[in-house]
Structures are given as C-alpha cells and as structure tokens.
C-alpha cells in the first residue's frame, strides 16, 4: 500500500490548489495540506509552506507534470 508524500510546496494555498487540480485532471489524486500557522499568524511560506501530497507510487509522474506546467 502506497503512502502519501509531499510532491511540492507552495507559498500560498491558491497556487497549491491550482496545481493540485491540474494533477487531479491528469489522474493523480492530490491533497493540499496547509498549516494553521499561515492563517493564524500570517507566517507565510517561510514557516508554514502549503504542501501537495500524492501517493508515493505517483510521485515521479506528479513532479514531472508540475515541472512541465511550470508549477514548481
């Protein structure tokens, strides 16, 4: 059984959700994980980046798609 791993990190949730949507459109299940630190304290990406999680067996394909679409 594959675990979920970080495919990319973003400085804001909007960019992360757009990139995750592109992955989903290409058949890769993706989840956006943000920290409450960002919203509560305005910490931003320095302290609390927003991550996209994908299945470990789809990590390589996800990163390739993100690079091709210039998301990372």
Protein backbone atom coordinates (compact mmCIF):
# COMPACT_ATOMS: atom_id res chain seq x y z
CA UNK A 1 0.00 0.00 0.00
CA UNK A 2 1.42 3.35 -1.03
CA UNK A 3 1.75 6.19 1.44
CA UNK A 4 1.21 9.87 0.72
CA UNK A 5 4.28 12.06 0.28
CA UNK A 6 4.96 15.71 -0.50
CA UNK A 7 5.22 16.37 -4.23
CA UNK A 8 5.67 20.14 -3.95
CA UNK A 9 5.43 23.09 -1.58
CA UNK A 10 3.90 26.49 -2.28
CA UNK A 11 3.90 29.86 -0.59
CA UNK A 12 0.10 30.15 -0.70
CA UNK A 13 -2.92 27.90 -0.75
CA UNK A 14 -4.35 29.29 -4.01
CA UNK A 15 -1.31 28.26 -6.06
CA UNK A 16 -1.24 24.87 -4.35
CA UNK A 17 -4.92 24.24 -5.12
CA UNK A 18 -4.46 25.18 -8.79
CA UNK A 19 -1.52 22.78 -9.10
CA UNK A 20 -3.38 20.02 -7.25
CA UNK A 21 -6.33 20.49 -9.61
CA UNK A 22 -4.04 20.03 -12.60
CA UNK A 23 -2.72 16.79 -11.08
CA UNK A 24 -6.27 15.54 -10.47
CA UNK A 25 -7.20 16.40 -14.06
CA UNK A 26 -4.32 14.14 -15.10
CA UNK A 27 -5.47 11.22 -12.97
CA UNK A 28 -3.27 11.78 -9.91
CA UNK A 29 -5.07 12.01 -6.59
CA UNK A 30 -3.67 15.08 -4.80
CA UNK A 31 -4.37 16.71 -1.45
CA UNK A 32 -3.49 20.21 -0.29
CA UNK A 33 -2.17 20.43 3.26
CA UNK A 34 -1.81 23.85 4.78
CA UNK A 35 -0.80 24.79 8.27
CA UNK A 36 -2.95 26.84 10.61
CA UNK A 37 0.19 28.89 11.26
CA UNK A 38 -0.25 30.53 7.85
CA UNK A 39 -3.76 31.75 8.53
CA UNK A 40 -3.49 32.43 12.25
CA UNK A 41 -0.21 34.27 12.28
CA UNK A 42 0.42 35.19 8.65
CA UNK A 43 3.56 33.08 8.80
CA UNK A 44 3.75 32.56 5.06
CA UNK A 45 5.89 30.02 3.28
CA UNK A 46 8.98 30.59 5.40
CA UNK A 47 7.45 28.95 8.45
CA UNK A 48 4.49 27.09 7.03
CA UNK A 49 4.56 26.16 3.34
CA UNK A 50 1.43 24.72 1.74
CA UNK A 51 2.12 21.17 0.54
CA UNK A 52 0.62 18.98 -2.16
CA UNK A 53 0.52 15.33 -1.16
CA UNK A 54 0.32 12.48 -3.67
CA UNK A 55 0.59 8.73 -3.45
CA UNK A 56 4.23 7.64 -3.28
CA UNK A 57 3.78 5.47 -6.38
CA UNK A 58 2.66 8.57 -8.34
CA UNK A 59 5.34 10.94 -7.04
CA UNK A 60 7.61 10.83 -10.08
CA UNK A 61 4.74 11.40 -12.51
CA UNK A 62 3.33 14.21 -10.34
CA UNK A 63 6.65 16.04 -10.19
CA UNK A 64 7.10 15.66 -13.94
CA UNK A 65 3.66 17.17 -14.58
CA UNK A 66 4.30 20.01 -12.12
CA UNK A 67 7.61 20.81 -13.82
CA UNK A 68 6.09 20.64 -17.30
CA UNK A 69 3.33 23.04 -16.26
CA UNK A 70 5.88 25.31 -14.52
CA UNK A 71 4.14 24.95 -11.16
CA UNK A 72 7.44 24.12 -9.45
